[in-house]
Amino acid sequence: MEDWEQYKAFGEEYAKALTRFNEARNRYVKKFGEHSLDRVLLGEPLIRMPLSVDVECLNKNANDIELAIQNNKPLEQIPEEMWENMIF
């Protein structure tokens, strides 16, 4: 069984995008540290998008994470004091 098949109930395209994102996120955290994505916003947190856009968003986020790993440059985290005052 391929990794994406665990998410196949959501559709193959979405399952593959989610698997790619999860793998990229895991590599990123391994490289930059356990809390390195704690205050990083990926995608649009206030908008619930339809599934087709979710696939695009997951792939864009995976690209951003993979590029950060490739360039050995972590994504910028929102300052903690600002993060604590954000409303989600």
Protein backbone atom coordinates (compact mmCIF):
# COMPACT_ATOMS: atom_id res chain seq x y z
CA MET A 1 0.00 0.00 0.00
CA GLU A 2 1.33 3.43 -0.95
CA ASP A 3 1.40 6.16 1.70
CA TRP A 4 -1.37 8.21 0.05
CA GLU A 5 -3.80 5.29 0.12
CA GLN A 6 -4.53 5.88 3.82
CA TYR A 7 -6.33 9.08 2.75
CA LYS A 8 -8.02 7.67 -0.36
CA ALA A 9 -11.51 8.26 1.07
CA PHE A 10 -10.91 11.96 0.27
CA GLY A 11 -10.09 11.21 -3.38
CA GLU A 12 -6.80 10.23 -4.96
CA GLU A 13 -5.66 13.74 -5.93
CA TYR A 14 -6.29 15.13 -2.44
CA ALA A 15 -4.77 12.05 -0.79
CA LYS A 16 -1.55 12.40 -2.79
CA ALA A 17 -1.31 16.14 -2.08
CA LEU A 18 -1.89 15.58 1.65
CA THR A 19 0.73 12.82 1.75
CA ARG A 20 3.23 15.05 -0.08
CA PHE A 21 2.55 17.89 2.37
CA ASN A 22 2.90 15.61 5.41
CA GLU A 23 6.18 14.20 4.12
CA ALA A 24 7.56 17.69 3.44
CA ARG A 25 6.43 18.89 6.88
CA ASN A 26 8.09 15.91 8.56
CA ARG A 27 11.38 16.54 6.72
CA TYR A 28 11.19 20.24 7.62
CA VAL A 29 10.62 19.58 11.32
CA LYS A 30 13.43 17.03 11.34
CA LYS A 31 15.79 19.58 9.75
CA PHE A 32 14.79 22.78 11.58
CA GLY A 33 13.44 21.49 14.89
CA GLU A 34 10.28 20.28 16.56
CA HIS A 35 8.68 23.73 17.00
CA SER A 36 9.96 25.29 13.77
CA LEU A 37 6.47 25.50 12.22
CA ASP A 38 4.57 26.44 15.37
CA ARG A 39 4.01 30.07 14.34
CA VAL A 40 4.17 29.75 10.55
CA LEU A 41 0.97 30.34 8.61
CA LEU A 42 0.58 28.09 5.62
CA GLY A 43 -2.40 28.69 3.35
CA GLU A 44 -5.38 30.81 4.29
CA PRO A 45 -6.34 30.00 7.90
CA LEU A 46 -9.66 31.86 7.83
CA ILE A 47 -11.06 30.45 4.61
CA ARG A 48 -12.49 26.96 4.23
CA MET A 49 -11.83 26.13 0.62
CA PRO A 50 -13.48 23.56 -1.63
CA LEU A 51 -11.56 20.33 -2.12
CA SER A 52 -10.06 21.29 -5.51
CA VAL A 53 -8.54 24.43 -4.00
CA ASP A 54 -7.37 22.45 -0.97
CA VAL A 55 -5.26 20.32 -3.33
CA GLU A 56 -3.70 23.45 -4.83
CA CYS A 57 -3.09 24.87 -1.36
CA LEU A 58 -1.53 21.64 -0.07
CA ASN A 59 0.76 21.48 -3.09
CA LYS A 60 1.74 25.15 -2.73
CA ASN A 61 2.48 24.66 0.96
CA ALA A 62 4.52 21.53 0.19
CA ASN A 63 6.45 23.52 -2.43
CA ASP A 64 7.16 26.32 0.08
CA ILE A 65 8.38 23.83 2.69
CA GLU A 66 10.49 21.88 0.19
CA LEU A 67 12.08 25.10 -1.07
CA ALA A 68 12.95 26.15 2.50
CA ILE A 69 14.60 22.76 3.08
CA GLN A 70 16.45 22.94 -0.24
CA ASN A 71 17.75 26.45 0.50
CA ASN A 72 18.50 25.57 4.14
CA LYS A 73 16.46 28.60 5.19
CA PRO A 74 13.60 28.13 7.66
CA LEU A 75 10.27 29.80 7.01
CA GLU A 76 9.75 32.97 9.01
CA GLN A 77 7.75 32.49 12.17
CA ILE A 78 5.37 35.16 13.40
CA PRO A 79 6.83 36.80 16.52
CA GLU A 80 5.48 35.15 19.67
CA GLU A 81 3.97 38.34 21.12
CA MET A 82 2.09 38.98 17.87
CA TRP A 83 1.02 35.33 17.62
CA GLU A 84 -0.47 35.41 21.11
CA ASN A 85 -2.70 38.33 20.11
CA MET A 86 -3.96 36.81 16.86
CA ILE A 87 -7.54 35.59 16.70
CA PHE A 88 -8.27 32.51 14.61
